[in-house]
Amino acid sequence: MSPIETIAELFAGQGMQAYLGEPVSLAQHMLQAAAQAEQEGAPDTLIAAALLHDLGHVLPDGATGDHHAERGADWLAQWFPESVTMPVRLHVEAKRYLCATEPWYLASLSRASSQSLLVQGGVMTSREVNAFKGLPYSQQALAVRRWDEAAKNPAASPPPFDHFRPLLERVLSSSL
């Protein structure tokens, strides 16, 4: 089975479960994030990262808290380039960074996201902020994180997974 088919099955299966205290499913959440990235004219790799950022939650024996990002990125790295996997890997750290550097961002977190922040290490220290700023793909991870936090609208109607198949195929074919 192709990686895209495997991902599609994850979206249609485990992805239909509730998104950890949010009013949408995990699949709806990831589709909303990707739709926002697409609407903002993000490059294909960043749209793919937005689409796949929480895949670690829907993998068999999916991880929660601060481990889903690493688990998802590690799994995706079998096929996808770092321009996709690194924003996925760093999107939890990006949340911690934004909470440290933009007080309004911290105040705008959903209740579930505020609770998970504690499990994920809390607000970054100034030392962690400086280290994060120097990481490759940190800016892309910040973009994914902003789309992530905004992708929890139960009334939104993002395109279905099939809409993103051609994009995923382009990203995969360009990484070979």
N, C-alpha and C. Protein backbone atom coordinates (compact mmCIF):
# COMPACT_ATOMS: atom_id res chain seq x y z
N MET A 1 0.85 -1.17 0.00
CA MET A 1 0.00 0.00 0.00
C MET A 1 0.90 1.25 0.00
N SER A 2 0.50 2.25 -0.74
CA SER A 2 1.29 3.48 -0.83
C SER A 2 1.18 4.27 0.48
N PRO A 3 2.16 5.12 0.75
CA PRO A 3 2.08 5.95 1.97
C PRO A 3 0.81 6.81 2.01
N ILE A 4 0.40 7.32 0.87
CA ILE A 4 -0.79 8.17 0.84
C ILE A 4 -2.03 7.35 1.16
N GLU A 5 -2.11 6.13 0.67
CA GLU A 5 -3.25 5.26 1.00
C GLU A 5 -3.26 4.94 2.50
N THR A 6 -2.10 4.67 3.04
CA THR A 6 -2.00 4.38 4.47
C THR A 6 -2.48 5.58 5.29
N ILE A 7 -2.04 6.77 4.90
CA ILE A 7 -2.45 8.00 5.60
C ILE A 7 -3.95 8.21 5.45
N ALA A 8 -4.48 7.98 4.25
CA ALA A 8 -5.92 8.14 4.02
C ALA A 8 -6.71 7.20 4.93
N GLU A 9 -6.23 5.98 5.10
CA GLU A 9 -6.90 5.04 6.00
C GLU A 9 -6.85 5.51 7.45
N LEU A 10 -5.74 6.10 7.84
CA LEU A 10 -5.63 6.63 9.20
C LEU A 10 -6.63 7.77 9.42
N PHE A 11 -6.76 8.65 8.43
CA PHE A 11 -7.73 9.75 8.52
C PHE A 11 -9.14 9.20 8.64
N ALA A 12 -9.47 8.19 7.83
CA ALA A 12 -10.83 7.64 7.80
C ALA A 12 -11.12 6.75 9.01
N GLY A 13 -10.09 6.23 9.64
CA GLY A 13 -10.27 5.34 10.79
C GLY A 13 -10.06 6.07 12.10
N GLN A 14 -8.85 5.96 12.63
CA GLN A 14 -8.51 6.59 13.90
C GLN A 14 -8.74 8.10 13.88
N GLY A 15 -8.60 8.71 12.72
CA GLY A 15 -8.78 10.15 12.61
C GLY A 15 -10.18 10.63 12.92
N MET A 16 -11.14 9.73 12.93
CA MET A 16 -12.52 10.12 13.20
C MET A 16 -12.81 10.23 14.70
N GLN A 17 -11.84 9.86 15.53
CA GLN A 17 -12.04 9.98 16.97
C GLN A 17 -11.98 11.44 17.39
N ALA A 18 -12.55 11.73 18.53
CA ALA A 18 -12.56 13.09 19.06
C ALA A 18 -11.14 13.56 19.28
N TYR A 19 -10.94 14.85 19.08
CA TYR A 19 -9.61 15.45 19.20
C TYR A 19 -9.38 15.97 20.61
N LEU A 20 -9.10 15.09 21.53
CA LEU A 20 -8.61 15.39 22.86
C LEU A 20 -9.25 16.61 23.52
N GLY A 21 -10.57 16.57 23.64
CA GLY A 21 -11.28 17.65 24.33
C GLY A 21 -11.70 18.80 23.45
N GLU A 22 -11.42 18.73 22.16
CA GLU A 22 -11.83 19.79 21.22
C GLU A 22 -13.14 19.37 20.56
N PRO A 23 -13.88 20.32 19.97
CA PRO A 23 -15.19 20.01 19.39
C PRO A 23 -15.14 19.45 17.96
N VAL A 24 -14.00 18.92 17.54
CA VAL A 24 -13.83 18.36 16.21
C VAL A 24 -13.08 17.03 16.31
N SER A 25 -13.13 16.24 15.26
CA SER A 25 -12.33 15.01 15.22
C SER A 25 -10.89 15.37 14.86
N LEU A 26 -9.99 14.44 15.08
CA LEU A 26 -8.60 14.66 14.69
C LEU A 26 -8.48 14.91 13.19
N ALA A 27 -9.22 14.15 12.39
CA ALA A 27 -9.17 14.35 10.94
C ALA A 27 -9.69 15.73 10.56
N GLN A 28 -10.83 16.14 11.13
CA GLN A 28 -11.35 17.48 10.82
C GLN A 28 -10.33 18.54 11.20
N HIS A 29 -9.71 18.37 12.34
CA HIS A 29 -8.71 19.32 12.82
C HIS A 29 -7.55 19.44 11.82
N MET A 30 -7.00 18.31 11.40
CA MET A 30 -5.86 18.35 10.48
C MET A 30 -6.27 18.89 9.11
N LEU A 31 -7.46 18.54 8.65
CA LEU A 31 -7.95 19.06 7.37
C LEU A 31 -8.17 20.57 7.44
N GLN A 32 -8.68 21.06 8.56
CA GLN A 32 -8.86 22.50 8.73
C GLN A 32 -7.52 23.23 8.71
N ALA A 33 -6.52 22.67 9.38
CA ALA A 33 -5.20 23.29 9.40
C ALA A 33 -4.62 23.36 7.98
N ALA A 34 -4.75 22.27 7.23
CA ALA A 34 -4.23 22.25 5.86
C ALA A 34 -4.99 23.23 4.97
N ALA A 35 -6.29 23.33 5.15
CA ALA A 35 -7.09 24.27 4.35
C ALA A 35 -6.65 25.70 4.62
N GLN A 36 -6.36 26.02 5.87
CA GLN A 36 -5.87 27.36 6.20
C GLN A 36 -4.52 27.64 5.55
N ALA A 37 -3.64 26.66 5.60
CA ALA A 37 -2.33 26.82 4.97
C ALA A 37 -2.49 27.04 3.47
N GLU A 38 -3.35 26.28 2.87
CA GLU A 38 -3.60 26.41 1.43
C GLU A 38 -4.18 27.79 1.10
N GLN A 39 -5.14 28.25 1.89
CA GLN A 39 -5.75 29.56 1.67
C GLN A 39 -4.73 30.69 1.80
N GLU A 40 -3.72 30.50 2.63
CA GLU A 40 -2.69 31.52 2.80
C GLU A 40 -1.58 31.42 1.75
N GLY A 41 -1.71 30.45 0.84
CA GLY A 41 -0.72 30.32 -0.23
C GLY A 41 0.60 29.71 0.20
N ALA A 42 0.56 28.90 1.24
CA ALA A 42 1.78 28.23 1.72
C ALA A 42 2.31 27.27 0.66
N PRO A 43 3.61 27.00 0.69
CA PRO A 43 4.16 26.01 -0.24
C PRO A 43 3.62 24.61 0.06
N ASP A 44 3.69 23.74 -0.93
CA ASP A 44 3.15 22.39 -0.79
C ASP A 44 3.67 21.67 0.45
N THR A 45 4.97 21.79 0.73
CA THR A 45 5.52 21.06 1.88
C THR A 45 4.93 21.55 3.20
N LEU A 46 4.63 22.83 3.27
CA LEU A 46 4.07 23.37 4.51
C LEU A 46 2.58 23.03 4.64
N ILE A 47 1.88 22.97 3.52
CA ILE A 47 0.49 22.49 3.55
C ILE A 47 0.47 21.04 4.00
N ALA A 48 1.40 20.24 3.46
CA ALA A 48 1.49 18.83 3.87
C ALA A 48 1.78 18.73 5.37
N ALA A 49 2.68 19.56 5.88
CA ALA A 49 2.98 19.54 7.32
C ALA A 49 1.75 19.90 8.14
N ALA A 50 0.99 20.89 7.69
CA ALA A 50 -0.23 21.27 8.40
C ALA A 50 -1.23 20.12 8.37
N LEU A 51 -1.34 19.45 7.24
CA LEU A 51 -2.26 18.32 7.11
C LEU A 51 -1.86 17.16 8.01
N LEU A 52 -0.59 16.94 8.19
CA LEU A 52 -0.09 15.74 8.86
C LEU A 52 0.44 16.01 10.27
N HIS A 53 0.30 17.23 10.78
CA HIS A 53 0.97 17.61 12.02
C HIS A 53 0.57 16.78 13.24
N ASP A 54 -0.64 16.28 13.30
CA ASP A 54 -1.08 15.49 14.45
C ASP A 54 -1.23 14.01 14.12
N LEU A 55 -0.58 13.57 13.07
CA LEU A 55 -0.69 12.16 12.67
C LEU A 55 -0.20 11.23 13.77
N GLY A 56 0.71 11.68 14.61
CA GLY A 56 1.19 10.86 15.72
C GLY A 56 0.09 10.43 16.67
N HIS A 57 -1.01 11.19 16.70
CA HIS A 57 -2.15 10.80 17.54
C HIS A 57 -2.95 9.64 16.93
N VAL A 58 -2.90 9.48 15.62
CA VAL A 58 -3.75 8.47 14.97
C VAL A 58 -2.99 7.24 14.51
N LEU A 59 -1.69 7.22 14.70
CA LEU A 59 -0.94 6.01 14.40
C LEU A 59 -1.34 4.93 15.40
N PRO A 60 -1.24 3.67 15.02
CA PRO A 60 -1.52 2.62 16.01
C PRO A 60 -0.68 2.87 17.27
N ASP A 61 -1.31 2.73 18.42
CA ASP A 61 -0.66 3.06 19.69
C ASP A 61 -0.20 4.51 19.70
N GLY A 62 -1.04 5.41 19.14
CA GLY A 62 -0.72 6.83 19.02
C GLY A 62 -0.29 7.44 20.33
N ALA A 63 0.58 8.40 20.23
CA ALA A 63 1.12 9.08 21.41
C ALA A 63 0.29 10.31 21.74
N THR A 64 0.35 10.70 22.98
CA THR A 64 -0.33 11.92 23.41
C THR A 64 0.70 12.88 23.98
N GLY A 65 0.22 14.00 24.46
CA GLY A 65 1.10 14.95 25.11
C GLY A 65 2.20 15.44 24.21
N ASP A 66 3.42 15.44 24.73
CA ASP A 66 4.52 16.00 23.97
C ASP A 66 5.20 14.98 23.05
N HIS A 67 4.72 13.77 22.99
CA HIS A 67 5.38 12.75 22.19
C HIS A 67 4.75 12.54 20.82
N HIS A 68 3.54 13.00 20.59
CA HIS A 68 2.89 12.75 19.31
C HIS A 68 3.62 13.41 18.15
N ALA A 69 4.23 14.56 18.39
CA ALA A 69 4.93 15.26 17.32
C ALA A 69 6.14 14.46 16.84
N GLU A 70 6.92 13.97 17.77
CA GLU A 70 8.09 13.17 17.41
C GLU A 70 7.69 11.86 16.74
N ARG A 71 6.69 11.22 17.32
CA ARG A 71 6.24 9.94 16.77
C ARG A 71 5.74 10.12 15.33
N GLY A 72 4.93 11.13 15.11
CA GLY A 72 4.41 11.40 13.77
C GLY A 72 5.53 11.75 12.80
N ALA A 73 6.44 12.63 13.22
CA ALA A 73 7.55 13.03 12.35
C ALA A 73 8.45 11.84 12.01
N ASP A 74 8.74 11.02 13.00
CA ASP A 74 9.58 9.84 12.75
C ASP A 74 8.91 8.91 11.74
N TRP A 75 7.62 8.70 11.88
CA TRP A 75 6.90 7.81 10.98
C TRP A 75 6.85 8.41 9.57
N LEU A 76 6.58 9.69 9.47
CA LEU A 76 6.50 10.36 8.16
C LEU A 76 7.85 10.41 7.46
N ALA A 77 8.93 10.43 8.23
CA ALA A 77 10.27 10.54 7.65
C ALA A 77 10.64 9.35 6.76
N GLN A 78 9.86 8.28 6.81
CA GLN A 78 10.08 7.15 5.89
C GLN A 78 9.92 7.59 4.45
N TRP A 79 9.09 8.61 4.22
CA TRP A 79 8.74 9.01 2.85
C TRP A 79 8.91 10.50 2.58
N PHE A 80 8.68 11.33 3.58
CA PHE A 80 8.60 12.77 3.35
C PHE A 80 9.91 13.46 3.70
N PRO A 81 10.19 14.59 3.04
CA PRO A 81 11.41 15.34 3.32
C PRO A 81 11.32 16.11 4.64
N GLU A 82 12.46 16.60 5.09
CA GLU A 82 12.51 17.38 6.33
C GLU A 82 11.63 18.62 6.28
N SER A 83 11.41 19.16 5.09
CA SER A 83 10.57 20.35 4.97
C SER A 83 9.12 20.06 5.38
N VAL A 84 8.76 18.79 5.47
CA VAL A 84 7.46 18.37 6.00
C VAL A 84 7.63 17.89 7.44
N THR A 85 8.60 17.02 7.67
CA THR A 85 8.69 16.37 8.98
C THR A 85 9.19 17.28 10.09
N MET A 86 10.05 18.23 9.79
CA MET A 86 10.56 19.09 10.86
C MET A 86 9.49 20.04 11.41
N PRO A 87 8.65 20.67 10.59
CA PRO A 87 7.56 21.46 11.18
C PRO A 87 6.60 20.59 12.00
N VAL A 88 6.39 19.36 11.56
CA VAL A 88 5.57 18.43 12.36
C VAL A 88 6.25 18.17 13.69
N ARG A 89 7.52 17.85 13.65
CA ARG A 89 8.29 17.54 14.86
C ARG A 89 8.30 18.72 15.83
N LEU A 90 8.35 19.94 15.32
CA LEU A 90 8.52 21.13 16.15
C LEU A 90 7.22 21.85 16.51
N HIS A 91 6.07 21.36 16.06
CA HIS A 91 4.86 22.15 16.28
C HIS A 91 4.45 22.26 17.75
N VAL A 92 4.80 21.29 18.58
CA VAL A 92 4.52 21.41 20.01
C VAL A 92 5.48 22.43 20.63
N GLU A 93 6.74 22.37 20.26
CA GLU A 93 7.70 23.36 20.75
C GLU A 93 7.31 24.76 20.28
N ALA A 94 6.75 24.86 19.09
CA ALA A 94 6.29 26.16 18.59
C ALA A 94 5.17 26.71 19.46
N LYS A 95 4.31 25.86 19.94
CA LYS A 95 3.25 26.29 20.86
C LYS A 95 3.87 26.86 22.13
N ARG A 96 4.81 26.16 22.70
CA ARG A 96 5.48 26.61 23.91
C ARG A 96 6.19 27.94 23.68
N TYR A 97 6.81 28.08 22.49
CA TYR A 97 7.50 29.32 22.12
C TYR A 97 6.50 30.48 22.01
N LEU A 98 5.42 30.27 21.29
CA LEU A 98 4.43 31.34 21.13
C LEU A 98 3.83 31.76 22.46
N CYS A 99 3.62 30.82 23.34
CA CYS A 99 3.08 31.15 24.66
C CYS A 99 4.06 31.99 25.46
N ALA A 100 5.35 31.80 25.22
CA ALA A 100 6.38 32.57 25.93
C ALA A 100 6.58 33.96 25.32
N THR A 101 6.38 34.08 24.02
CA THR A 101 6.73 35.33 23.34
C THR A 101 5.53 36.20 22.98
N GLU A 102 4.34 35.64 23.00
CA GLU A 102 3.13 36.39 22.65
C GLU A 102 2.06 36.11 23.71
N PRO A 103 2.00 36.93 24.74
CA PRO A 103 1.05 36.68 25.84
C PRO A 103 -0.39 36.51 25.37
N TRP A 104 -0.78 37.21 24.33
CA TRP A 104 -2.15 37.06 23.82
C TRP A 104 -2.36 35.66 23.24
N TYR A 105 -1.29 35.05 22.72
CA TYR A 105 -1.42 33.69 22.18
C TYR A 105 -1.75 32.72 23.32
N LEU A 106 -1.03 32.83 24.40
CA LEU A 106 -1.29 31.99 25.57
C LEU A 106 -2.73 32.17 26.04
N ALA A 107 -3.20 33.41 26.09
CA ALA A 107 -4.56 33.69 26.54
C ALA A 107 -5.61 33.17 25.58
N SER A 108 -5.23 32.99 24.31
CA SER A 108 -6.21 32.54 23.30
C SER A 108 -6.31 31.02 23.17
N LEU A 109 -5.47 30.28 23.88
CA LEU A 109 -5.51 28.82 23.77
C LEU A 109 -6.87 28.28 24.22
N SER A 110 -7.32 27.25 23.54
CA SER A 110 -8.53 26.57 23.99
C SER A 110 -8.25 25.92 25.34
N ARG A 111 -9.29 25.55 26.03
CA ARG A 111 -9.11 24.92 27.35
C ARG A 111 -8.27 23.64 27.23
N ALA A 112 -8.59 22.81 26.25
CA ALA A 112 -7.84 21.56 26.07
C ALA A 112 -6.38 21.85 25.72
N SER A 113 -6.15 22.86 24.91
CA SER A 113 -4.78 23.20 24.53
C SER A 113 -4.00 23.77 25.72
N SER A 114 -4.68 24.53 26.57
CA SER A 114 -4.04 25.03 27.79
C SER A 114 -3.64 23.88 28.71
N GLN A 115 -4.51 22.88 28.82
CA GLN A 115 -4.21 21.73 29.67
C GLN A 115 -3.05 20.92 29.10
N SER A 116 -3.06 20.71 27.77
CA SER A 116 -1.98 19.92 27.17
C SER A 116 -0.64 20.66 27.24
N LEU A 117 -0.68 21.99 27.26
CA LEU A 117 0.56 22.77 27.38
C LEU A 117 1.34 22.34 28.62
N LEU A 118 0.66 22.08 29.71
CA LEU A 118 1.33 21.68 30.95
C LEU A 118 2.05 20.35 30.77
N VAL A 119 1.41 19.41 30.08
CA VAL A 119 2.01 18.09 29.83
C VAL A 119 3.18 18.22 28.86
N GLN A 120 3.10 19.22 27.98
CA GLN A 120 4.11 19.39 26.93
C GLN A 120 5.33 20.20 27.39
N GLY A 121 5.39 20.55 28.65
CA GLY A 121 6.56 21.25 29.16
C GLY A 121 6.30 22.68 29.57
N GLY A 122 5.10 23.18 29.35
CA GLY A 122 4.76 24.54 29.76
C GLY A 122 5.37 25.59 28.86
N VAL A 123 5.22 26.82 29.28
CA VAL A 123 5.75 27.96 28.54
C VAL A 123 7.28 27.86 28.54
N MET A 124 7.90 28.16 27.40
CA MET A 124 9.36 28.09 27.30
C MET A 124 10.03 29.13 28.20
N THR A 125 11.20 28.77 28.67
CA THR A 125 12.07 29.72 29.37
C THR A 125 12.75 30.59 28.31
N SER A 126 13.38 31.67 28.73
CA SER A 126 14.07 32.54 27.77
C SER A 126 15.21 31.78 27.08
N ARG A 127 15.85 30.90 27.79
CA ARG A 127 16.91 30.09 27.17
C ARG A 127 16.33 29.17 26.08
N GLU A 128 15.20 28.54 26.38
CA GLU A 128 14.56 27.67 25.39
C GLU A 128 14.07 28.47 24.18
N VAL A 129 13.57 29.68 24.43
CA VAL A 129 13.12 30.55 23.33
C VAL A 129 14.28 30.83 22.39
N ASN A 130 15.42 31.20 22.94
CA ASN A 130 16.60 31.51 22.11
C ASN A 130 17.06 30.28 21.33
N ALA A 131 17.03 29.13 21.96
CA ALA A 131 17.43 27.90 21.27
C ALA A 131 16.45 27.57 20.15
N PHE A 132 15.15 27.71 20.41
CA PHE A 132 14.15 27.40 19.38
C PHE A 132 14.32 28.30 18.17
N LYS A 133 14.55 29.59 18.38
CA LYS A 133 14.68 30.53 17.27
C LYS A 133 15.79 30.12 16.30
N GLY A 134 16.82 29.45 16.81
CA GLY A 134 17.93 29.05 15.97
C GLY A 134 17.76 27.73 15.24
N LEU A 135 16.66 27.04 15.48
CA LEU A 135 16.46 25.73 14.85
C LEU A 135 16.03 25.86 13.40
N PRO A 136 16.56 25.00 12.53
CA PRO A 136 16.03 24.95 11.16
C PRO A 136 14.54 24.59 11.21
N TYR A 137 13.77 25.23 10.39
CA TYR A 137 12.33 25.00 10.25
C TYR A 137 11.51 25.55 11.41
N SER A 138 12.12 26.34 12.29
CA SER A 138 11.34 26.90 13.40
C SER A 138 10.25 27.85 12.89
N GLN A 139 10.55 28.64 11.88
CA GLN A 139 9.54 29.57 11.35
C GLN A 139 8.38 28.81 10.71
N GLN A 140 8.67 27.73 10.02
CA GLN A 140 7.63 26.90 9.42
C GLN A 140 6.79 26.24 10.51
N ALA A 141 7.44 25.81 11.58
CA ALA A 141 6.71 25.20 12.70
C ALA A 141 5.78 26.22 13.35
N LEU A 142 6.19 27.46 13.43
CA LEU A 142 5.32 28.50 13.99
C LEU A 142 4.08 28.69 13.13
N ALA A 143 4.25 28.64 11.81
CA ALA A 143 3.10 28.76 10.91
C ALA A 143 2.14 27.58 11.13
N VAL A 144 2.69 26.37 11.18
CA VAL A 144 1.85 25.19 11.41
C VAL A 144 1.13 25.33 12.75
N ARG A 145 1.83 25.81 13.75
CA ARG A 145 1.21 25.94 15.08
C ARG A 145 0.05 26.92 15.08
N ARG A 146 0.19 28.02 14.35
CA ARG A 146 -0.90 29.00 14.29
C ARG A 146 -2.13 28.39 13.60
N TRP A 147 -1.89 27.65 12.52
CA TRP A 147 -3.01 26.98 11.84
C TRP A 147 -3.60 25.91 12.74
N ASP A 148 -2.76 25.22 13.48
CA ASP A 148 -3.18 24.18 14.41
C ASP A 148 -4.17 24.76 15.43
N GLU A 149 -3.79 25.84 16.07
CA GLU A 149 -4.65 26.40 17.12
C GLU A 149 -5.97 26.92 16.56
N ALA A 150 -5.95 27.39 15.32
CA ALA A 150 -7.17 27.94 14.70
C ALA A 150 -8.05 26.86 14.07
N ALA A 151 -7.59 25.62 14.05
CA ALA A 151 -8.28 24.55 13.33
C ALA A 151 -9.14 23.70 14.27
N LYS A 152 -10.05 24.35 14.96
CA LYS A 152 -10.88 23.64 15.94
C LYS A 152 -12.33 24.09 15.86
N ASN A 153 -12.76 24.44 14.66
CA ASN A 153 -14.09 25.01 14.45
C ASN A 153 -15.05 23.92 14.00
N PRO A 154 -16.02 23.56 14.83
CA PRO A 154 -16.95 22.49 14.44
C PRO A 154 -17.86 22.87 13.27
N ALA A 155 -17.96 24.15 12.96
CA ALA A 155 -18.81 24.60 11.84
C ALA A 155 -18.03 24.69 10.52
N ALA A 156 -16.72 24.54 10.56
CA ALA A 156 -15.91 24.64 9.34
C ALA A 156 -16.14 23.43 8.44
N SER A 157 -16.00 23.67 7.15
CA SER A 157 -16.14 22.59 6.15
C SER A 157 -14.89 22.55 5.28
N PRO A 158 -13.82 21.99 5.81
CA PRO A 158 -12.60 21.92 5.00
C PRO A 158 -12.77 20.90 3.87
N PRO A 159 -11.92 20.99 2.86
CA PRO A 159 -11.98 19.98 1.81
C PRO A 159 -11.66 18.60 2.38
N PRO A 160 -12.14 17.55 1.73
CA PRO A 160 -11.84 16.19 2.21
C PRO A 160 -10.38 15.83 1.95
N PHE A 161 -9.97 14.73 2.54
CA PHE A 161 -8.59 14.27 2.38
C PHE A 161 -8.22 14.15 0.90
N ASP A 162 -9.13 13.65 0.07
CA ASP A 162 -8.82 13.45 -1.35
C ASP A 162 -8.40 14.73 -2.05
N HIS A 163 -8.85 15.86 -1.57
CA HIS A 163 -8.43 17.14 -2.14
C HIS A 163 -6.92 17.32 -2.06
N PHE A 164 -6.32 16.78 -1.00
CA PHE A 164 -4.88 16.96 -0.76
C PHE A 164 -4.02 15.85 -1.35
N ARG A 165 -4.62 14.83 -1.92
CA ARG A 165 -3.83 13.73 -2.51
C ARG A 165 -2.84 14.20 -3.56
N PRO A 166 -3.27 15.01 -4.54
CA PRO A 166 -2.30 15.46 -5.55
C PRO A 166 -1.13 16.23 -4.94
N LEU A 167 -1.40 17.03 -3.94
CA LEU A 167 -0.34 17.77 -3.27
C LEU A 167 0.63 16.80 -2.59
N LEU A 168 0.10 15.82 -1.88
CA LEU A 168 0.97 14.83 -1.23
C LEU A 168 1.78 14.05 -2.26
N GLU A 169 1.17 13.73 -3.38
CA GLU A 169 1.90 13.03 -4.44
C GLU A 169 3.05 13.90 -4.99
N ARG A 170 2.79 15.20 -5.17
CA ARG A 170 3.85 16.11 -5.63
C ARG A 170 4.99 16.16 -4.63
N VAL A 171 4.66 16.27 -3.35
CA VAL A 171 5.70 16.36 -2.32
C VAL A 171 6.51 15.07 -2.28
N LEU A 172 5.82 13.93 -2.35
CA LEU A 172 6.53 12.65 -2.33
C LEU A 172 7.42 12.48 -3.55
N SER A 173 6.91 12.84 -4.73
CA SER A 173 7.70 12.65 -5.95
C SER A 173 8.90 13.60 -6.00
N SER A 174 8.78 14.77 -5.39
CA SER A 174 9.90 15.71 -5.38
C SER A 174 10.97 15.32 -4.37
N SER A 175 10.62 14.46 -3.42
CA SER A 175 11.60 14.06 -2.39
C SER A 175 12.36 12.80 -2.76
N LEU A 176 12.02 12.20 -3.88
CA LEU A 176 12.72 10.97 -4.29
C LEU A 176 14.10 11.27 -4.86
